[in-house]
Amino acid sequence: MRNLKITLQYNGENYCGWQRQPNSPGIQGTVENAIYEITKEKVKVTASGRTDAGVHALGQVANFKTETNISASRIPDALNAKLPKDISVISCEEVDMDFHARYNACGKTYRYLIYNKPYRSPLYKNLAYHVKYDLDWDKIRLEAKYLIGTHDFVGFMSSGSSVKDTVRTIYDIQIEEHEGITSIEISGNGFLYNMVRIIVGTLVDIGRGRIKHNMEEIINSKSRSMCGHTAPAHGLFLKKVQY
């Protein structure tokens, strides 16, 4: 028995999210089916975390246990020959049997893309959040700094989560603009359900002037109603997982 760690990229537009679903296509099930085609084994692929419907990945990490003798270096080509064009395995390595993609992860970086122009772009329609209103990016950058550090982010969590500990640490936030696309990259030790999308929605609402409170007050309130809207899923990318 071997334990293989794979890194994947995918466009989540056509999927119900990572998790296998009985009546909808998921990334997990699609990858498991491809593994079956090359190994004839029914395996469970465990990811660093579940991405929601429409969310993309630049560096999702997963692992699975297998009896195959196909070398790790050949796994990406073998799987990509069976996978649809919107999912790609970009690396594979053999790891210790006790490696677990989710439980061994110690941090993640997410990227969120905003297309801040008056008119929509067909090129970015499923890859970036189109915000047609003027945004005060200087104010957004200033308020974003309050997010860095260890805080109780319970107000930035969507309902439906069973997580009890809502304290998380954000290590860094980088906001950069290039040719109309603004990238917000957030790195932390972990994220609550929809936390990144609510952070982005809150920053957008601050930038539009719809929220008058500053970010420090919003965090300390621990109230979802004090935060902004939940930004749409299609602008979100899981960029990197740290181990």
C-alpha atoms as a PDB file:
ATOM      1  CA  MET A   1       0.000   0.000   0.000  1.00  0.00           C
ATOM      2  CA  ARG A   2       1.245   3.487  -0.889  1.00  0.00           C
ATOM      3  CA  ASN A   3       0.081   6.988   0.040  1.00  0.00           C
ATOM      4  CA  LEU A   4       0.186   9.479  -2.823  1.00  0.00           C
ATOM      5  CA  LYS A   5      -0.069  13.253  -2.429  1.00  0.00           C
ATOM      6  CA  ILE A   6      -1.340  15.133  -5.449  1.00  0.00           C
ATOM      7  CA  THR A   7      -1.681  18.832  -6.197  1.00  0.00           C
ATOM      8  CA  LEU A   8      -4.556  19.889  -8.435  1.00  0.00           C
ATOM      9  CA  GLN A   9      -5.774  22.878 -10.338  1.00  0.00           C
ATOM     10  CA  TYR A  10      -9.389  23.190 -11.395  1.00  0.00           C
ATOM     11  CA  ASN A  11     -12.025  25.544 -12.696  1.00  0.00           C
ATOM     12  CA  GLY A  12     -15.024  25.000 -10.441  1.00  0.00           C
ATOM     13  CA  GLU A  13     -17.619  26.493 -12.780  1.00  0.00           C
ATOM     14  CA  ASN A  14     -19.182  23.164 -13.762  1.00  0.00           C
ATOM     15  CA  TYR A  15     -18.961  21.424 -10.374  1.00  0.00           C
ATOM     16  CA  CYS A  16     -21.003  21.317  -7.178  1.00  0.00           C
ATOM     17  CA  GLY A  17     -17.797  21.773  -5.185  1.00  0.00           C
ATOM     18  CA  TRP A  18     -15.100  19.391  -4.017  1.00  0.00           C
ATOM     19  CA  GLN A  19     -17.227  16.825  -2.207  1.00  0.00           C
ATOM     20  CA  ARG A  20     -18.696  13.885  -4.084  1.00  0.00           C
ATOM     21  CA  GLN A  21     -22.466  14.245  -4.490  1.00  0.00           C
ATOM     22  CA  PRO A  22     -24.925  11.529  -5.620  1.00  0.00           C
ATOM     23  CA  ASN A  23     -26.637  13.570  -8.338  1.00  0.00           C
ATOM     24  CA  SER A  24     -24.192  16.382  -9.130  1.00  0.00           C
ATOM     25  CA  PRO A  25     -20.625  16.371 -10.478  1.00  0.00           C
ATOM     26  CA  GLY A  26     -18.004  17.055  -7.803  1.00  0.00           C
ATOM     27  CA  ILE A  27     -14.243  17.408  -8.115  1.00  0.00           C
ATOM     28  CA  GLN A  28     -13.635  14.547  -5.662  1.00  0.00           C
ATOM     29  CA  GLY A  29     -15.804  12.045  -7.531  1.00  0.00           C
ATOM     30  CA  THR A  30     -14.362  13.045 -10.893  1.00  0.00           C
ATOM     31  CA  VAL A  31     -10.796  12.506  -9.652  1.00  0.00           C
ATOM     32  CA  GLU A  32     -11.723   9.199  -7.981  1.00  0.00           C
ATOM     33  CA  ASN A  33     -13.256   7.995 -11.233  1.00  0.00           C
ATOM     34  CA  ALA A  34     -10.057   8.870 -13.111  1.00  0.00           C
ATOM     35  CA  ILE A  35      -7.976   6.979 -10.544  1.00  0.00           C
ATOM     36  CA  TYR A  36     -10.234   3.957 -10.999  1.00  0.00           C
ATOM     37  CA  GLU A  37      -9.701   4.090 -14.743  1.00  0.00           C
ATOM     38  CA  ILE A  38      -5.921   3.841 -14.418  1.00  0.00           C
ATOM     39  CA  THR A  39      -5.678   1.547 -11.344  1.00  0.00           C
ATOM     40  CA  LYS A  40      -9.008  -0.334 -11.246  1.00  0.00           C
ATOM     41  CA  GLU A  41      -9.131   0.580  -7.546  1.00  0.00           C
ATOM     42  CA  LYS A  42     -11.973   2.350  -5.764  1.00  0.00           C
ATOM     43  CA  VAL A  43     -10.136   4.837  -3.582  1.00  0.00           C
ATOM     44  CA  LYS A  44     -11.163   7.808  -1.460  1.00  0.00           C
ATOM     45  CA  VAL A  45      -9.379  11.048  -2.293  1.00  0.00           C
ATOM     46  CA  THR A  46      -9.044  13.352   0.724  1.00  0.00           C
ATOM     47  CA  ALA A  47      -8.501  17.074   0.102  1.00  0.00           C
ATOM     48  CA  SER A  48      -6.994  19.768   2.314  1.00  0.00           C
ATOM     49  CA  GLY A  49     -10.507  21.178   2.539  1.00  0.00           C
ATOM     50  CA  ARG A  50     -13.773  21.304   0.655  1.00  0.00           C
ATOM     51  CA  THR A  51     -14.226  24.072  -1.875  1.00  0.00           C
ATOM     52  CA  ASP A  52     -17.793  25.206  -2.571  1.00  0.00           C
ATOM     53  CA  ALA A  53     -19.656  25.123  -5.874  1.00  0.00           C
ATOM     54  CA  GLY A  54     -18.044  27.452  -8.391  1.00  0.00           C
ATOM     55  CA  VAL A  55     -14.812  27.934  -6.415  1.00  0.00           C
ATOM     56  CA  HIS A  56     -11.534  27.337  -8.267  1.00  0.00           C
ATOM     57  CA  ALA A  57      -8.134  26.014  -7.200  1.00  0.00           C
ATOM     58  CA  LEU A  58      -4.578  26.825  -8.199  1.00  0.00           C
ATOM     59  CA  GLY A  59      -3.038  24.487  -5.633  1.00  0.00           C
ATOM     60  CA  GLN A  60      -5.524  22.136  -3.972  1.00  0.00           C
ATOM     61  CA  VAL A  61      -3.741  19.272  -2.203  1.00  0.00           C
ATOM     62  CA  ALA A  62      -5.180  15.789  -1.752  1.00  0.00           C
ATOM     63  CA  ASN A  63      -4.004  12.296  -0.937  1.00  0.00           C
ATOM     64  CA  PHE A  64      -5.152   8.741  -1.584  1.00  0.00           C
ATOM     65  CA  LYS A  65      -3.921   5.268  -0.736  1.00  0.00           C
ATOM     66  CA  THR A  66      -3.341   2.794  -3.505  1.00  0.00           C
ATOM     67  CA  GLU A  67      -1.774  -0.536  -4.423  1.00  0.00           C
ATOM     68  CA  THR A  68      -0.735   0.639  -7.879  1.00  0.00           C
ATOM     69  CA  ASN A  69       2.890   0.358  -8.918  1.00  0.00           C
ATOM     70  CA  ILE A  70       2.654   3.315 -11.307  1.00  0.00           C
ATOM     71  CA  SER A  71       5.469   5.684 -10.385  1.00  0.00           C
ATOM     72  CA  ALA A  72       4.520   8.982  -8.759  1.00  0.00           C
ATOM     73  CA  SER A  73       6.175  10.882 -11.598  1.00  0.00           C
ATOM     74  CA  ARG A  74       3.827   9.244 -14.125  1.00  0.00           C
ATOM     75  CA  ILE A  75       0.610   9.742 -12.144  1.00  0.00           C
ATOM     76  CA  PRO A  76      -0.114  13.316 -13.370  1.00  0.00           C
ATOM     77  CA  ASP A  77       0.066  12.373 -17.050  1.00  0.00           C
ATOM     78  CA  ALA A  78      -1.942   9.195 -16.472  1.00  0.00           C
ATOM     79  CA  LEU A  79      -4.719  10.972 -14.578  1.00  0.00           C
ATOM     80  CA  ASN A  80      -4.831  14.006 -16.861  1.00  0.00           C
ATOM     81  CA  ALA A  81      -5.449  11.711 -19.807  1.00  0.00           C
ATOM     82  CA  LYS A  82      -8.685  10.626 -18.062  1.00  0.00           C
ATOM     83  CA  LEU A  83      -9.737  13.897 -16.421  1.00  0.00           C
ATOM     84  CA  PRO A  84     -11.853  16.608 -18.103  1.00  0.00           C
ATOM     85  CA  LYS A  85     -10.036  19.708 -19.344  1.00  0.00           C
ATOM     86  CA  ASP A  86     -11.141  21.810 -16.367  1.00  0.00           C
ATOM     87  CA  ILE A  87      -9.270  19.624 -13.831  1.00  0.00           C
ATOM     88  CA  SER A  88      -5.531  18.969 -13.888  1.00  0.00           C
ATOM     89  CA  VAL A  89      -3.122  17.133 -11.592  1.00  0.00           C
ATOM     90  CA  ILE A  90       0.074  19.213 -11.625  1.00  0.00           C
ATOM     91  CA  SER A  91       2.255  17.142  -9.271  1.00  0.00           C
ATOM     92  CA  CYS A  92       2.386  13.862  -7.367  1.00  0.00           C
ATOM     93  CA  GLU A  93       4.701  12.470  -4.716  1.00  0.00           C
ATOM     94  CA  GLU A  94       4.754   9.461  -2.462  1.00  0.00           C
ATOM     95  CA  VAL A  95       4.430  10.402   1.221  1.00  0.00           C
ATOM     96  CA  ASP A  96       4.372   8.654   4.594  1.00  0.00           C
ATOM     97  CA  MET A  97       1.366   6.473   5.238  1.00  0.00           C
ATOM     98  CA  ASP A  98       0.199   8.755   8.065  1.00  0.00           C
ATOM     99  CA  PHE A  99       0.115  11.890   5.878  1.00  0.00           C
ATOM    100  CA  HIS A 100      -3.386  13.379   5.739  1.00  0.00           C
ATOM    101  CA  ALA A 101      -4.073  16.272   3.342  1.00  0.00           C
ATOM    102  CA  ARG A 102      -6.584  17.885   5.686  1.00  0.00           C
ATOM    103  CA  TYR A 103      -5.306  17.194   9.182  1.00  0.00           C
ATOM    104  CA  ASN A 104      -1.648  17.922   8.392  1.00  0.00           C
ATOM    105  CA  ALA A 105      -2.344  21.279   6.745  1.00  0.00           C
ATOM    106  CA  CYS A 106      -1.118  24.220   8.841  1.00  0.00           C
ATOM    107  CA  GLY A 107      -2.122  27.120   6.630  1.00  0.00           C
ATOM    108  CA  LYS A 108      -3.751  28.213   3.389  1.00  0.00           C
ATOM    109  CA  THR A 109      -3.623  31.115   0.974  1.00  0.00           C
ATOM    110  CA  TYR A 110      -6.721  32.173  -0.938  1.00  0.00           C
ATOM    111  CA  ARG A 111      -6.868  34.566  -3.876  1.00  0.00           C
ATOM    112  CA  TYR A 112      -9.995  36.542  -4.729  1.00  0.00           C
ATOM    113  CA  LEU A 113     -10.312  38.413  -8.033  1.00  0.00           C
ATOM    114  CA  ILE A 114     -12.420  41.545  -8.524  1.00  0.00           C
ATOM    115  CA  TYR A 115     -13.083  43.116 -11.924  1.00  0.00           C
ATOM    116  CA  ASN A 116     -13.758  46.750 -11.015  1.00  0.00           C
ATOM    117  CA  LYS A 117     -14.944  48.332 -14.258  1.00  0.00           C
ATOM    118  CA  PRO A 118     -18.292  49.878 -15.284  1.00  0.00           C
ATOM    119  CA  TYR A 119     -19.103  47.118 -17.780  1.00  0.00           C
ATOM    120  CA  ARG A 120     -18.784  43.352 -17.474  1.00  0.00           C
ATOM    121  CA  SER A 121     -16.003  41.412 -19.181  1.00  0.00           C
ATOM    122  CA  PRO A 122     -16.859  38.177 -21.005  1.00  0.00           C
ATOM    123  CA  LEU A 123     -13.286  37.013 -20.405  1.00  0.00           C
ATOM    124  CA  TYR A 124     -13.648  37.121 -16.608  1.00  0.00           C
ATOM    125  CA  LYS A 125     -17.342  36.290 -16.243  1.00  0.00           C
ATOM    126  CA  ASN A 126     -16.706  33.103 -14.235  1.00  0.00           C
ATOM    127  CA  LEU A 127     -13.288  33.994 -12.836  1.00  0.00           C
ATOM    128  CA  ALA A 128     -13.762  37.377 -11.165  1.00  0.00           C
ATOM    129  CA  TYR A 129     -16.425  39.287  -9.251  1.00  0.00           C
ATOM    130  CA  HIS A 130     -17.665  42.154 -11.413  1.00  0.00           C
ATOM    131  CA  VAL A 131     -18.106  45.247  -9.237  1.00  0.00           C
ATOM    132  CA  LYS A 132     -19.241  48.103 -11.476  1.00  0.00           C
ATOM    133  CA  TYR A 133     -19.299  50.743  -8.725  1.00  0.00           C
ATOM    134  CA  ASP A 134     -16.362  52.984  -7.860  1.00  0.00           C
ATOM    135  CA  LEU A 135     -14.400  51.623  -4.912  1.00  0.00           C
ATOM    136  CA  ASP A 136     -12.082  53.520  -2.587  1.00  0.00           C
ATOM    137  CA  TRP A 137      -9.126  51.139  -2.758  1.00  0.00           C
ATOM    138  CA  ASP A 138      -6.973  53.258  -0.439  1.00  0.00           C
ATOM    139  CA  LYS A 139      -9.628  52.894   2.261  1.00  0.00           C
ATOM    140  CA  ILE A 140      -9.990  49.174   1.546  1.00  0.00           C
ATOM    141  CA  ARG A 141      -6.236  48.638   1.946  1.00  0.00           C
ATOM    142  CA  LEU A 142      -6.236  50.605   5.195  1.00  0.00           C
ATOM    143  CA  GLU A 143      -9.146  48.670   6.708  1.00  0.00           C
ATOM    144  CA  ALA A 144      -7.815  45.294   5.535  1.00  0.00           C
ATOM    145  CA  LYS A 145      -4.792  45.684   7.821  1.00  0.00           C
ATOM    146  CA  TYR A 146      -7.052  45.300  10.876  1.00  0.00           C
ATOM    147  CA  LEU A 147      -7.757  41.718   9.798  1.00  0.00           C
ATOM    148  CA  ILE A 148      -4.140  40.664  10.248  1.00  0.00           C
ATOM    149  CA  GLY A 149      -3.515  38.869  13.542  1.00  0.00           C
ATOM    150  CA  THR A 150      -5.444  36.494  15.765  1.00  0.00           C
ATOM    151  CA  HIS A 151      -9.137  37.298  16.186  1.00  0.00           C
ATOM    152  CA  ASP A 152     -12.482  35.677  16.793  1.00  0.00           C
ATOM    153  CA  PHE A 153     -13.922  35.742  13.269  1.00  0.00           C
ATOM    154  CA  VAL A 154     -17.342  34.374  14.205  1.00  0.00           C
ATOM    155  CA  GLY A 155     -19.023  37.335  12.490  1.00  0.00           C
ATOM    156  CA  PHE A 156     -17.355  36.343   9.235  1.00  0.00           C
ATOM    157  CA  MET A 157     -18.854  32.839   9.189  1.00  0.00           C
ATOM    158  CA  SER A 158     -21.991  31.786   7.322  1.00  0.00           C
ATOM    159  CA  SER A 159     -24.705  29.948   9.203  1.00  0.00           C
ATOM    160  CA  GLY A 160     -24.781  26.184   8.934  1.00  0.00           C
ATOM    161  CA  SER A 161     -21.290  25.564  10.260  1.00  0.00           C
ATOM    162  CA  SER A 162     -20.836  23.314  13.294  1.00  0.00           C
ATOM    163  CA  VAL A 163     -17.381  24.703  14.133  1.00  0.00           C
ATOM    164  CA  LYS A 164     -17.062  25.566  17.819  1.00  0.00           C
ATOM    165  CA  ASP A 165     -13.686  27.366  17.828  1.00  0.00           C
ATOM    166  CA  THR A 166     -13.988  30.467  15.649  1.00  0.00           C
ATOM    167  CA  VAL A 167     -10.598  32.011  16.478  1.00  0.00           C
ATOM    168  CA  ARG A 168      -8.286  32.171  13.475  1.00  0.00           C
ATOM    169  CA  THR A 169      -5.000  33.875  12.622  1.00  0.00           C
ATOM    170  CA  ILE A 170      -4.504  35.828   9.419  1.00  0.00           C
ATOM    171  CA  TYR A 171      -0.825  36.177   8.575  1.00  0.00           C
ATOM    172  CA  ASP A 172      -0.967  38.525   5.632  1.00  0.00           C
ATOM    173  CA  ILE A 173      -3.251  40.299   3.156  1.00  0.00           C
ATOM    174  CA  GLN A 174      -1.981  41.542  -0.184  1.00  0.00           C
ATOM    175  CA  ILE A 175      -4.107  43.708  -2.503  1.00  0.00           C
ATOM    176  CA  GLU A 176      -2.741  44.322  -6.002  1.00  0.00           C
ATOM    177  CA  GLU A 177      -4.276  45.680  -9.202  1.00  0.00           C
ATOM    178  CA  HIS A 178      -3.258  44.823 -12.752  1.00  0.00           C
ATOM    179  CA  GLU A 179      -5.132  45.916 -15.871  1.00  0.00           C
ATOM    180  CA  GLY A 180      -8.497  46.231 -14.163  1.00  0.00           C
ATOM    181  CA  ILE A 181      -8.260  43.022 -12.136  1.00  0.00           C
ATOM    182  CA  THR A 182      -7.670  43.435  -8.409  1.00  0.00           C
ATOM    183  CA  SER A 183      -6.304  40.449  -6.516  1.00  0.00           C
ATOM    184  CA  ILE A 184      -6.917  40.101  -2.778  1.00  0.00           C
ATOM    185  CA  GLU A 185      -4.694  37.367  -1.307  1.00  0.00           C
ATOM    186  CA  ILE A 186      -5.314  36.245   2.247  1.00  0.00           C
ATOM    187  CA  SER A 187      -3.045  33.834   4.115  1.00  0.00           C
ATOM    188  CA  GLY A 188      -3.964  32.263   7.446  1.00  0.00           C
ATOM    189  CA  ASN A 189      -3.811  29.193   9.636  1.00  0.00           C
ATOM    190  CA  GLY A 190      -7.385  28.279   8.749  1.00  0.00           C
ATOM    191  CA  PHE A 191     -10.672  29.745   7.574  1.00  0.00           C
ATOM    192  CA  LEU A 192     -14.297  29.462   8.663  1.00  0.00           C
ATOM    193  CA  TYR A 193     -17.167  28.607   6.323  1.00  0.00           C
ATOM    194  CA  ASN A 194     -17.341  31.389   3.676  1.00  0.00           C
ATOM    195  CA  MET A 195     -14.929  33.501   5.737  1.00  0.00           C
ATOM    196  CA  VAL A 196     -12.854  34.714   2.782  1.00  0.00           C
ATOM    197  CA  ARG A 197     -15.943  35.581   0.722  1.00  0.00           C
ATOM    198  CA  ILE A 198     -17.478  37.520   3.633  1.00  0.00           C
ATOM    199  CA  ILE A 199     -14.198  39.364   4.209  1.00  0.00           C
ATOM    200  CA  VAL A 200     -14.137  40.362   0.537  1.00  0.00           C
ATOM    201  CA  GLY A 201     -17.802  41.386   0.593  1.00  0.00           C
ATOM    202  CA  THR A 202     -17.169  43.493   3.681  1.00  0.00           C
ATOM    203  CA  LEU A 203     -14.177  45.218   2.079  1.00  0.00           C
ATOM    204  CA  VAL A 204     -16.216  45.936  -1.054  1.00  0.00           C
ATOM    205  CA  ASP A 205     -19.039  47.421   1.027  1.00  0.00           C
ATOM    206  CA  ILE A 206     -16.525  49.537   2.939  1.00  0.00           C
ATOM    207  CA  GLY A 207     -15.011  50.674  -0.364  1.00  0.00           C
ATOM    208  CA  ARG A 208     -18.452  51.662  -1.662  1.00  0.00           C
ATOM    209  CA  GLY A 209     -19.248  53.562   1.526  1.00  0.00           C
ATOM    210  CA  ARG A 210     -22.145  51.260   2.404  1.00  0.00           C
ATOM    211  CA  ILE A 211     -20.505  50.284   5.716  1.00  0.00           C
ATOM    212  CA  LYS A 212     -19.536  53.198   7.969  1.00  0.00           C
ATOM    213  CA  HIS A 213     -17.945  51.175  10.785  1.00  0.00           C
ATOM    214  CA  ASN A 214     -14.245  50.456  10.588  1.00  0.00           C
ATOM    215  CA  MET A 215     -12.933  46.902  10.371  1.00  0.00           C
ATOM    216  CA  GLU A 216     -11.741  46.851  13.980  1.00  0.00           C
ATOM    217  CA  GLU A 217     -15.280  47.604  15.186  1.00  0.00           C
ATOM    218  CA  ILE A 218     -16.734  44.987  12.853  1.00  0.00           C
ATOM    219  CA  ILE A 219     -14.383  42.261  14.106  1.00  0.00           C
ATOM    220  CA  ASN A 220     -14.978  43.143  17.763  1.00  0.00           C
ATOM    221  CA  SER A 221     -18.747  43.099  17.299  1.00  0.00           C
ATOM    222  CA  LYS A 222     -18.637  39.347  16.474  1.00  0.00           C
ATOM    223  CA  SER A 223     -21.840  39.962  14.562  1.00  0.00           C
ATOM    224  CA  ARG A 224     -22.620  38.714  11.064  1.00  0.00           C
ATOM    225  CA  SER A 225     -25.025  41.624  10.593  1.00  0.00           C
ATOM    226  CA  MET A 226     -22.165  44.109  11.011  1.00  0.00           C
ATOM    227  CA  CYS A 227     -20.237  42.527   8.156  1.00  0.00           C
ATOM    228  CA  GLY A 228     -20.881  42.971   4.462  1.00  0.00           C
ATOM    229  CA  HIS A 229     -22.373  40.656   1.874  1.00  0.00           C
ATOM    230  CA  THR A 230     -20.917  37.304   0.870  1.00  0.00           C
ATOM    231  CA  ALA A 231     -18.945  37.804  -2.339  1.00  0.00           C
ATOM    232  CA  PRO A 232     -19.801  35.291  -5.087  1.00  0.00           C
ATOM    233  CA  ALA A 233     -17.989  31.972  -5.266  1.00  0.00           C
ATOM    234  CA  HIS A 234     -16.659  32.312  -8.806  1.00  0.00           C
ATOM    235  CA  GLY A 235     -14.052  34.931  -7.817  1.00  0.00           C
ATOM    236  CA  LEU A 236     -12.395  32.666  -5.244  1.00  0.00           C
ATOM    237  CA  PHE A 237      -9.303  30.526  -5.775  1.00  0.00           C
ATOM    238  CA  LEU A 238      -7.543  28.222  -3.319  1.00  0.00           C
ATOM    239  CA  LYS A 239      -3.983  29.228  -4.160  1.00  0.00           C
ATOM    240  CA  LYS A 240      -1.751  27.254  -1.811  1.00  0.00           C
ATOM    241  CA  VAL A 241      -1.806  24.873   1.150  1.00  0.00           C
ATOM    242  CA  GLN A 242       1.029  24.908   3.690  1.00  0.00           C
ATOM    243  CA  TYR A 243       2.279  21.818   5.538  1.00  0.00           C
END
